[in-house]
N, C-alpha and C. Protein backbone atom coordinates (compact mmCIF):
# COMPACT_ATOMS: atom_id res chain seq x y z
N MET A 1 -3.50 -48.29 23.60
CA MET A 1 -3.04 -47.06 22.96
C MET A 1 -4.27 -46.19 22.64
N PRO A 2 -4.22 -44.89 22.99
CA PRO A 2 -5.39 -44.02 22.76
C PRO A 2 -5.58 -43.72 21.28
N ASP A 3 -6.83 -43.46 20.93
CA ASP A 3 -7.17 -43.11 19.55
C ASP A 3 -6.88 -41.61 19.37
N LEU A 4 -5.87 -41.30 18.54
CA LEU A 4 -5.46 -39.91 18.36
C LEU A 4 -6.49 -39.10 17.58
N ALA A 5 -7.40 -39.75 16.89
CA ALA A 5 -8.43 -39.04 16.13
C ALA A 5 -9.36 -38.25 17.03
N GLN A 6 -9.48 -38.68 18.28
CA GLN A 6 -10.36 -37.95 19.20
C GLN A 6 -9.76 -36.61 19.62
N TYR A 7 -8.46 -36.43 19.40
CA TYR A 7 -7.79 -35.17 19.72
C TYR A 7 -7.55 -34.30 18.48
N LEU A 8 -8.13 -34.69 17.36
CA LEU A 8 -7.92 -33.95 16.11
C LEU A 8 -8.49 -32.53 16.19
N TRP A 9 -9.51 -32.32 17.01
CA TRP A 9 -10.09 -31.00 17.14
C TRP A 9 -9.07 -29.99 17.65
N ILE A 10 -8.12 -30.46 18.47
CA ILE A 10 -7.07 -29.57 18.98
C ILE A 10 -6.16 -29.13 17.84
N ALA A 11 -5.86 -30.07 16.94
CA ALA A 11 -5.02 -29.74 15.79
C ALA A 11 -5.70 -28.69 14.90
N TRP A 12 -7.03 -28.82 14.71
CA TRP A 12 -7.76 -27.83 13.91
C TRP A 12 -7.70 -26.44 14.55
N LEU A 13 -7.87 -26.39 15.86
CA LEU A 13 -7.80 -25.09 16.56
C LEU A 13 -6.41 -24.48 16.47
N VAL A 14 -5.39 -25.29 16.69
CA VAL A 14 -4.01 -24.80 16.61
C VAL A 14 -3.71 -24.29 15.20
N LEU A 15 -4.13 -25.03 14.18
CA LEU A 15 -3.91 -24.62 12.80
C LEU A 15 -4.63 -23.30 12.50
N ALA A 16 -5.85 -23.14 13.00
CA ALA A 16 -6.59 -21.90 12.80
C ALA A 16 -5.88 -20.73 13.47
N VAL A 17 -5.38 -20.93 14.67
CA VAL A 17 -4.67 -19.86 15.38
C VAL A 17 -3.39 -19.49 14.63
N VAL A 18 -2.67 -20.47 14.13
CA VAL A 18 -1.45 -20.20 13.35
C VAL A 18 -1.80 -19.38 12.11
N PHE A 19 -2.87 -19.75 11.42
CA PHE A 19 -3.30 -19.01 10.22
C PHE A 19 -3.66 -17.57 10.58
N VAL A 20 -4.33 -17.37 11.69
CA VAL A 20 -4.71 -16.01 12.10
C VAL A 20 -3.46 -15.19 12.42
N ILE A 21 -2.49 -15.77 13.07
CA ILE A 21 -1.25 -15.06 13.38
C ILE A 21 -0.52 -14.67 12.11
N VAL A 22 -0.43 -15.60 11.16
CA VAL A 22 0.22 -15.28 9.89
C VAL A 22 -0.56 -14.20 9.15
N GLU A 23 -1.88 -14.23 9.24
CA GLU A 23 -2.71 -13.20 8.60
C GLU A 23 -2.43 -11.83 9.19
N LEU A 24 -2.25 -11.76 10.49
CA LEU A 24 -1.94 -10.48 11.12
C LEU A 24 -0.62 -9.90 10.63
N ILE A 25 0.27 -10.74 10.18
CA ILE A 25 1.55 -10.29 9.65
C ILE A 25 1.42 -9.88 8.18
N THR A 26 0.68 -10.64 7.39
CA THR A 26 0.61 -10.38 5.95
C THR A 26 -0.49 -9.41 5.55
N LEU A 27 -1.63 -9.43 6.23
CA LEU A 27 -2.76 -8.55 5.94
C LEU A 27 -3.24 -8.61 4.48
N GLU A 28 -3.36 -9.81 3.95
CA GLU A 28 -3.83 -9.98 2.57
C GLU A 28 -5.10 -10.83 2.49
N PHE A 29 -5.69 -11.19 3.59
CA PHE A 29 -6.91 -11.99 3.69
C PHE A 29 -6.75 -13.44 3.26
N THR A 30 -5.58 -13.86 2.80
CA THR A 30 -5.39 -15.24 2.37
C THR A 30 -5.46 -16.19 3.56
N PHE A 31 -4.68 -15.92 4.58
CA PHE A 31 -4.64 -16.82 5.73
C PHE A 31 -5.89 -16.69 6.58
N LEU A 32 -6.59 -15.57 6.48
CA LEU A 32 -7.87 -15.45 7.16
C LEU A 32 -8.89 -16.41 6.54
N MET A 33 -8.86 -16.53 5.22
CA MET A 33 -9.75 -17.47 4.54
C MET A 33 -9.39 -18.91 4.90
N LEU A 34 -8.08 -19.20 4.99
CA LEU A 34 -7.64 -20.54 5.37
C LEU A 34 -8.05 -20.86 6.81
N ALA A 35 -7.94 -19.87 7.71
CA ALA A 35 -8.34 -20.09 9.10
C ALA A 35 -9.84 -20.34 9.19
N THR A 36 -10.62 -19.59 8.43
CA THR A 36 -12.06 -19.79 8.44
C THR A 36 -12.43 -21.14 7.87
N GLY A 37 -11.78 -21.55 6.78
CA GLY A 37 -12.01 -22.87 6.21
C GLY A 37 -11.64 -23.97 7.18
N THR A 38 -10.56 -23.75 7.92
CA THR A 38 -10.12 -24.72 8.92
C THR A 38 -11.16 -24.87 10.03
N LEU A 39 -11.69 -23.75 10.49
CA LEU A 39 -12.68 -23.80 11.57
C LEU A 39 -14.01 -24.36 11.10
N ILE A 40 -14.52 -23.84 9.97
CA ILE A 40 -15.83 -24.28 9.49
C ILE A 40 -15.77 -25.71 8.94
N GLY A 41 -14.81 -25.95 8.05
CA GLY A 41 -14.72 -27.26 7.41
C GLY A 41 -14.14 -28.33 8.31
N GLY A 42 -12.90 -28.10 8.75
CA GLY A 42 -12.20 -29.12 9.53
C GLY A 42 -12.80 -29.35 10.90
N LEU A 43 -12.87 -28.30 11.69
CA LEU A 43 -13.39 -28.44 13.05
C LEU A 43 -14.89 -28.74 13.04
N GLY A 44 -15.61 -28.12 12.10
CA GLY A 44 -17.05 -28.37 12.02
C GLY A 44 -17.38 -29.83 11.74
N VAL A 45 -16.71 -30.43 10.77
CA VAL A 45 -16.94 -31.84 10.45
C VAL A 45 -16.45 -32.72 11.60
N ASN A 46 -15.36 -32.31 12.27
CA ASN A 46 -14.86 -33.07 13.41
C ASN A 46 -15.91 -33.11 14.52
N LEU A 47 -16.51 -31.97 14.82
CA LEU A 47 -17.52 -31.92 15.88
C LEU A 47 -18.78 -32.69 15.52
N LEU A 48 -19.04 -32.83 14.21
CA LEU A 48 -20.19 -33.61 13.77
C LEU A 48 -19.87 -35.11 13.69
N GLY A 49 -18.60 -35.47 13.98
CA GLY A 49 -18.22 -36.88 14.03
C GLY A 49 -17.73 -37.46 12.72
N GLY A 50 -17.36 -36.62 11.76
CA GLY A 50 -16.87 -37.10 10.46
C GLY A 50 -15.47 -37.68 10.55
N PRO A 51 -15.11 -38.57 9.61
CA PRO A 51 -13.76 -39.14 9.60
C PRO A 51 -12.72 -38.07 9.26
N TRP A 52 -11.44 -38.35 9.54
CA TRP A 52 -10.37 -37.38 9.34
C TRP A 52 -10.25 -36.93 7.90
N TRP A 53 -10.42 -37.86 6.94
CA TRP A 53 -10.27 -37.49 5.53
C TRP A 53 -11.39 -36.55 5.09
N LEU A 54 -12.58 -36.71 5.65
CA LEU A 54 -13.69 -35.80 5.33
C LEU A 54 -13.44 -34.42 5.96
N GLN A 55 -12.81 -34.40 7.11
CA GLN A 55 -12.46 -33.13 7.75
C GLN A 55 -11.48 -32.35 6.88
N VAL A 56 -10.44 -33.05 6.41
CA VAL A 56 -9.44 -32.41 5.56
C VAL A 56 -10.08 -31.93 4.26
N LEU A 57 -10.91 -32.75 3.65
CA LEU A 57 -11.58 -32.39 2.40
C LEU A 57 -12.50 -31.18 2.61
N ALA A 58 -13.26 -31.17 3.68
CA ALA A 58 -14.17 -30.06 3.96
C ALA A 58 -13.38 -28.77 4.21
N ALA A 59 -12.29 -28.86 4.96
CA ALA A 59 -11.46 -27.68 5.21
C ALA A 59 -10.89 -27.13 3.91
N ALA A 60 -10.43 -28.02 3.03
CA ALA A 60 -9.86 -27.58 1.75
C ALA A 60 -10.93 -26.94 0.86
N VAL A 61 -12.10 -27.54 0.80
CA VAL A 61 -13.17 -27.01 -0.06
C VAL A 61 -13.65 -25.66 0.45
N VAL A 62 -13.90 -25.55 1.74
CA VAL A 62 -14.38 -24.28 2.30
C VAL A 62 -13.31 -23.19 2.14
N SER A 63 -12.06 -23.54 2.38
CA SER A 63 -10.98 -22.56 2.20
C SER A 63 -10.89 -22.09 0.76
N ALA A 64 -10.96 -23.02 -0.18
CA ALA A 64 -10.88 -22.66 -1.60
C ALA A 64 -12.06 -21.77 -2.00
N LEU A 65 -13.26 -22.13 -1.55
CA LEU A 65 -14.43 -21.30 -1.86
C LEU A 65 -14.26 -19.88 -1.32
N LEU A 66 -13.80 -19.75 -0.09
CA LEU A 66 -13.59 -18.44 0.50
C LEU A 66 -12.49 -17.66 -0.23
N LEU A 67 -11.40 -18.36 -0.58
CA LEU A 67 -10.29 -17.69 -1.27
C LEU A 67 -10.71 -17.13 -2.63
N PHE A 68 -11.57 -17.84 -3.33
CA PHE A 68 -11.93 -17.42 -4.68
C PHE A 68 -13.22 -16.63 -4.77
N THR A 69 -13.96 -16.51 -3.66
CA THR A 69 -15.20 -15.73 -3.70
C THR A 69 -15.16 -14.53 -2.76
N ILE A 70 -14.94 -14.76 -1.48
CA ILE A 70 -15.00 -13.69 -0.49
C ILE A 70 -13.75 -12.82 -0.50
N ARG A 71 -12.57 -13.43 -0.63
CA ARG A 71 -11.32 -12.67 -0.58
C ARG A 71 -11.25 -11.58 -1.65
N PRO A 72 -11.56 -11.87 -2.93
CA PRO A 72 -11.51 -10.79 -3.93
C PRO A 72 -12.46 -9.64 -3.61
N LEU A 73 -13.63 -9.96 -3.06
CA LEU A 73 -14.57 -8.90 -2.68
C LEU A 73 -14.01 -8.04 -1.55
N LEU A 74 -13.41 -8.68 -0.56
CA LEU A 74 -12.82 -7.93 0.55
C LEU A 74 -11.66 -7.06 0.09
N LEU A 75 -10.81 -7.60 -0.79
CA LEU A 75 -9.69 -6.81 -1.31
C LEU A 75 -10.18 -5.62 -2.12
N ARG A 76 -11.19 -5.83 -2.95
CA ARG A 76 -11.75 -4.74 -3.76
C ARG A 76 -12.33 -3.66 -2.85
N LEU A 77 -13.03 -4.07 -1.82
CA LEU A 77 -13.61 -3.13 -0.87
C LEU A 77 -12.53 -2.35 -0.13
N LEU A 78 -11.47 -3.03 0.26
CA LEU A 78 -10.38 -2.40 0.98
C LEU A 78 -9.65 -1.39 0.10
N HIS A 79 -9.34 -1.76 -1.13
CA HIS A 79 -8.57 -0.88 -2.01
C HIS A 79 -9.41 0.22 -2.62
N ARG A 80 -10.72 0.03 -2.68
CA ARG A 80 -11.59 1.07 -3.23
C ARG A 80 -11.60 2.29 -2.32
N SER A 81 -11.57 2.07 -1.03
CA SER A 81 -11.69 3.17 -0.09
C SER A 81 -10.38 3.92 0.12
N SER A 82 -9.28 3.38 -0.34
CA SER A 82 -8.00 4.07 -0.14
C SER A 82 -7.43 4.53 -1.47
N ARG A 83 -7.20 5.83 -1.56
CA ARG A 83 -6.61 6.35 -2.78
C ARG A 83 -5.11 6.48 -2.59
N ALA A 84 -4.40 6.45 -3.68
CA ALA A 84 -2.94 6.52 -3.61
C ALA A 84 -2.52 7.94 -3.23
N VAL A 85 -1.70 8.05 -2.21
CA VAL A 85 -1.18 9.33 -1.78
C VAL A 85 0.32 9.33 -2.05
N PRO A 86 0.79 10.25 -2.89
CA PRO A 86 2.23 10.27 -3.18
C PRO A 86 3.03 10.61 -1.94
N THR A 87 4.16 9.94 -1.80
CA THR A 87 5.03 10.18 -0.65
C THR A 87 6.46 10.35 -1.14
N ASN A 88 7.31 10.81 -0.25
CA ASN A 88 8.74 10.98 -0.52
C ASN A 88 8.96 11.82 -1.77
N VAL A 89 9.79 11.36 -2.68
CA VAL A 89 10.13 12.13 -3.87
C VAL A 89 8.92 12.31 -4.79
N ASP A 90 8.02 11.33 -4.83
CA ASP A 90 6.83 11.44 -5.67
C ASP A 90 5.96 12.62 -5.27
N ALA A 91 5.98 13.00 -4.00
CA ALA A 91 5.14 14.09 -3.50
C ALA A 91 5.69 15.45 -3.89
N LEU A 92 6.92 15.54 -4.37
CA LEU A 92 7.52 16.83 -4.72
C LEU A 92 6.98 17.40 -6.02
N THR A 93 6.60 16.55 -6.96
CA THR A 93 6.10 17.03 -8.25
C THR A 93 4.82 17.82 -8.02
N GLY A 94 4.81 19.04 -8.52
CA GLY A 94 3.65 19.92 -8.36
C GLY A 94 3.73 20.81 -7.13
N MET A 95 4.73 20.61 -6.29
CA MET A 95 4.87 21.41 -5.07
C MET A 95 5.44 22.78 -5.42
N GLY A 96 5.01 23.78 -4.70
CA GLY A 96 5.52 25.13 -4.90
C GLY A 96 6.86 25.31 -4.20
N ALA A 97 7.60 26.35 -4.67
CA ALA A 97 8.91 26.65 -4.08
C ALA A 97 9.23 28.11 -4.32
N ARG A 98 10.23 28.61 -3.61
CA ARG A 98 10.70 29.97 -3.81
C ARG A 98 12.19 29.90 -4.15
N VAL A 99 12.59 30.67 -5.14
CA VAL A 99 14.00 30.68 -5.58
C VAL A 99 14.82 31.40 -4.52
N THR A 100 15.89 30.73 -4.04
CA THR A 100 16.73 31.32 -2.99
C THR A 100 18.11 31.71 -3.50
N ALA A 101 18.55 31.15 -4.62
CA ALA A 101 19.85 31.52 -5.20
C ALA A 101 19.67 31.63 -6.71
N ALA A 102 20.35 32.61 -7.29
CA ALA A 102 20.20 32.90 -8.72
C ALA A 102 20.58 31.68 -9.57
N PHE A 103 19.91 31.56 -10.69
CA PHE A 103 20.20 30.49 -11.63
C PHE A 103 21.40 30.89 -12.49
N VAL A 104 22.44 30.06 -12.44
CA VAL A 104 23.63 30.29 -13.26
C VAL A 104 23.81 29.06 -14.12
N ASP A 105 23.89 29.26 -15.43
CA ASP A 105 23.98 28.16 -16.40
C ASP A 105 22.84 27.16 -16.21
N GLY A 106 21.67 27.68 -15.87
CA GLY A 106 20.48 26.84 -15.76
C GLY A 106 20.25 26.22 -14.41
N ASP A 107 21.23 26.31 -13.49
CA ASP A 107 21.07 25.70 -12.16
C ASP A 107 21.01 26.77 -11.07
N GLY A 108 20.13 26.55 -10.09
CA GLY A 108 19.99 27.46 -8.96
C GLY A 108 19.57 26.68 -7.73
N THR A 109 19.06 27.41 -6.74
CA THR A 109 18.62 26.77 -5.51
C THR A 109 17.22 27.26 -5.18
N VAL A 110 16.37 26.33 -4.73
CA VAL A 110 15.01 26.68 -4.33
C VAL A 110 14.72 26.10 -2.95
N LYS A 111 13.82 26.78 -2.23
CA LYS A 111 13.33 26.25 -0.96
C LYS A 111 11.89 25.82 -1.20
N LEU A 112 11.65 24.51 -1.08
CA LEU A 112 10.32 23.97 -1.32
C LEU A 112 9.36 24.38 -0.21
N ASP A 113 8.07 24.30 -0.48
CA ASP A 113 7.06 24.66 0.51
C ASP A 113 7.09 23.75 1.74
N ASN A 114 7.72 22.59 1.62
CA ASN A 114 7.84 21.71 2.78
C ASN A 114 9.06 22.03 3.63
N GLY A 115 9.84 23.07 3.25
CA GLY A 115 10.99 23.50 4.02
C GLY A 115 12.33 22.99 3.54
N GLU A 116 12.34 22.05 2.60
CA GLU A 116 13.59 21.48 2.10
C GLU A 116 14.22 22.42 1.07
N THR A 117 15.54 22.46 1.06
CA THR A 117 16.27 23.23 0.06
C THR A 117 16.86 22.27 -0.95
N TRP A 118 16.61 22.54 -2.23
CA TRP A 118 17.06 21.66 -3.31
C TRP A 118 17.81 22.44 -4.37
N THR A 119 18.75 21.77 -5.01
CA THR A 119 19.34 22.31 -6.23
C THR A 119 18.28 22.19 -7.30
N ALA A 120 18.15 23.27 -8.09
CA ALA A 120 17.08 23.28 -9.08
C ALA A 120 17.64 23.58 -10.46
N ARG A 121 16.94 23.08 -11.44
CA ARG A 121 17.27 23.37 -12.84
C ARG A 121 16.02 23.98 -13.45
N ALA A 122 16.21 25.09 -14.15
CA ALA A 122 15.09 25.76 -14.79
C ALA A 122 14.63 24.93 -15.98
N SER A 123 13.31 24.79 -16.13
CA SER A 123 12.80 24.03 -17.27
C SER A 123 13.09 24.79 -18.55
N ALA A 124 13.18 24.06 -19.64
CA ALA A 124 13.53 24.66 -20.94
C ALA A 124 12.49 25.67 -21.39
N THR A 125 11.23 25.45 -21.03
CA THR A 125 10.16 26.34 -21.48
C THR A 125 10.01 27.58 -20.63
N GLY A 126 10.42 27.53 -19.34
CA GLY A 126 10.14 28.62 -18.43
C GLY A 126 11.21 29.69 -18.35
N GLY A 127 12.42 29.42 -18.74
CA GLY A 127 13.50 30.38 -18.55
C GLY A 127 13.97 30.38 -17.11
N ALA A 128 14.98 31.23 -16.81
CA ALA A 128 15.56 31.28 -15.47
C ALA A 128 14.76 32.23 -14.59
N PRO A 129 14.12 31.74 -13.54
CA PRO A 129 13.37 32.61 -12.64
C PRO A 129 14.29 33.45 -11.76
N ALA A 130 13.81 34.59 -11.33
CA ALA A 130 14.60 35.50 -10.50
C ALA A 130 14.56 35.05 -9.04
N VAL A 131 15.55 35.51 -8.26
CA VAL A 131 15.59 35.20 -6.83
C VAL A 131 14.34 35.77 -6.16
N GLY A 132 13.70 34.98 -5.32
CA GLY A 132 12.50 35.40 -4.62
C GLY A 132 11.21 35.06 -5.35
N SER A 133 11.31 34.66 -6.61
CA SER A 133 10.08 34.35 -7.36
C SER A 133 9.58 32.95 -7.02
N ARG A 134 8.29 32.74 -7.24
CA ARG A 134 7.67 31.45 -6.97
C ARG A 134 7.79 30.55 -8.19
N VAL A 135 8.06 29.27 -7.95
CA VAL A 135 8.17 28.27 -9.01
C VAL A 135 7.41 27.02 -8.58
N ILE A 136 7.18 26.14 -9.53
CA ILE A 136 6.52 24.86 -9.29
C ILE A 136 7.46 23.75 -9.72
N VAL A 137 7.58 22.72 -8.92
CA VAL A 137 8.42 21.57 -9.27
C VAL A 137 7.74 20.79 -10.39
N GLN A 138 8.43 20.65 -11.51
CA GLN A 138 7.92 19.90 -12.65
C GLN A 138 8.27 18.41 -12.57
N SER A 139 9.51 18.14 -12.12
CA SER A 139 9.96 16.75 -12.00
C SER A 139 11.17 16.70 -11.09
N VAL A 140 11.55 15.49 -10.71
CA VAL A 140 12.73 15.27 -9.88
C VAL A 140 13.68 14.40 -10.68
N ARG A 141 14.89 14.89 -10.83
CA ARG A 141 15.93 14.15 -11.57
C ARG A 141 17.10 13.90 -10.62
N GLY A 142 17.03 12.79 -9.92
CA GLY A 142 18.07 12.48 -8.94
C GLY A 142 17.98 13.44 -7.77
N ALA A 143 19.04 14.25 -7.55
CA ALA A 143 19.07 15.20 -6.45
C ALA A 143 18.75 16.62 -6.93
N ILE A 144 18.20 16.74 -8.12
CA ILE A 144 17.87 18.05 -8.70
C ILE A 144 16.40 18.09 -9.06
N VAL A 145 15.74 19.20 -8.71
CA VAL A 145 14.34 19.37 -9.13
C VAL A 145 14.31 20.30 -10.34
N GLU A 146 13.47 19.95 -11.29
CA GLU A 146 13.27 20.81 -12.45
C GLU A 146 12.05 21.68 -12.14
N VAL A 147 12.22 23.00 -12.28
CA VAL A 147 11.16 23.93 -11.90
C VAL A 147 10.77 24.82 -13.06
N ALA A 148 9.55 25.31 -12.99
CA ALA A 148 9.02 26.26 -13.96
C ALA A 148 8.35 27.38 -13.18
N PRO A 149 8.30 28.58 -13.74
CA PRO A 149 7.65 29.70 -13.04
C PRO A 149 6.20 29.36 -12.70
N GLU A 150 5.76 29.83 -11.53
CA GLU A 150 4.40 29.60 -11.09
C GLU A 150 3.49 30.51 -11.89
N GLU A 151 2.40 29.93 -12.41
CA GLU A 151 1.46 30.74 -13.18
C GLU A 151 0.50 31.42 -12.22
N ARG A 152 0.26 32.68 -12.46
CA ARG A 152 -0.66 33.46 -11.62
C ARG A 152 -2.09 33.14 -12.01
N SER A 153 -2.97 33.02 -11.00
CA SER A 153 -4.37 32.74 -11.27
C SER A 153 -5.18 34.01 -11.46
N ASP A 154 -4.64 35.15 -11.01
CA ASP A 154 -5.39 36.39 -11.17
C ASP A 154 -4.94 37.14 -12.41
N ALA A 155 -5.73 38.07 -12.88
CA ALA A 155 -5.44 38.80 -14.12
C ALA A 155 -4.52 39.98 -13.88
N HIS A 156 -4.20 40.33 -12.63
CA HIS A 156 -3.41 41.52 -12.35
C HIS A 156 -1.92 41.25 -12.37
N GLY A 157 -1.50 39.98 -12.39
CA GLY A 157 -0.08 39.65 -12.50
C GLY A 157 0.57 39.81 -11.21
């Protein structure tokens, strides 16, 4: 009967490939650290002729060291370079709009700068803006945007 320990290097390679595939799906650097620990610890000790239990121990130690030292640094570096960009409804707050239908009982219609038409409610502080005037979206309440008159930056009004 053949000694299966001589084929353990194949198991280390297969495990590393599986970890890399899972990493490509998750993109959190966890399985990348496990794959690296598998290659350096497990396969490395195997190639140096170490027993199976030492291979497993080395793979676990190297993986743990990478998970708790290198992974946090990589995540910090990744998240530092990307700032949060509001999308969908979150992106509407602060957007300009033009009033397209008169406000009656506090509700009217505006066309946002992105081309969407929304039911709008005049903010309590701004009063009811006239048709054709510019407004700014203050908040989104379900399917209604709350708007306030756009403040002019020049002194001429």
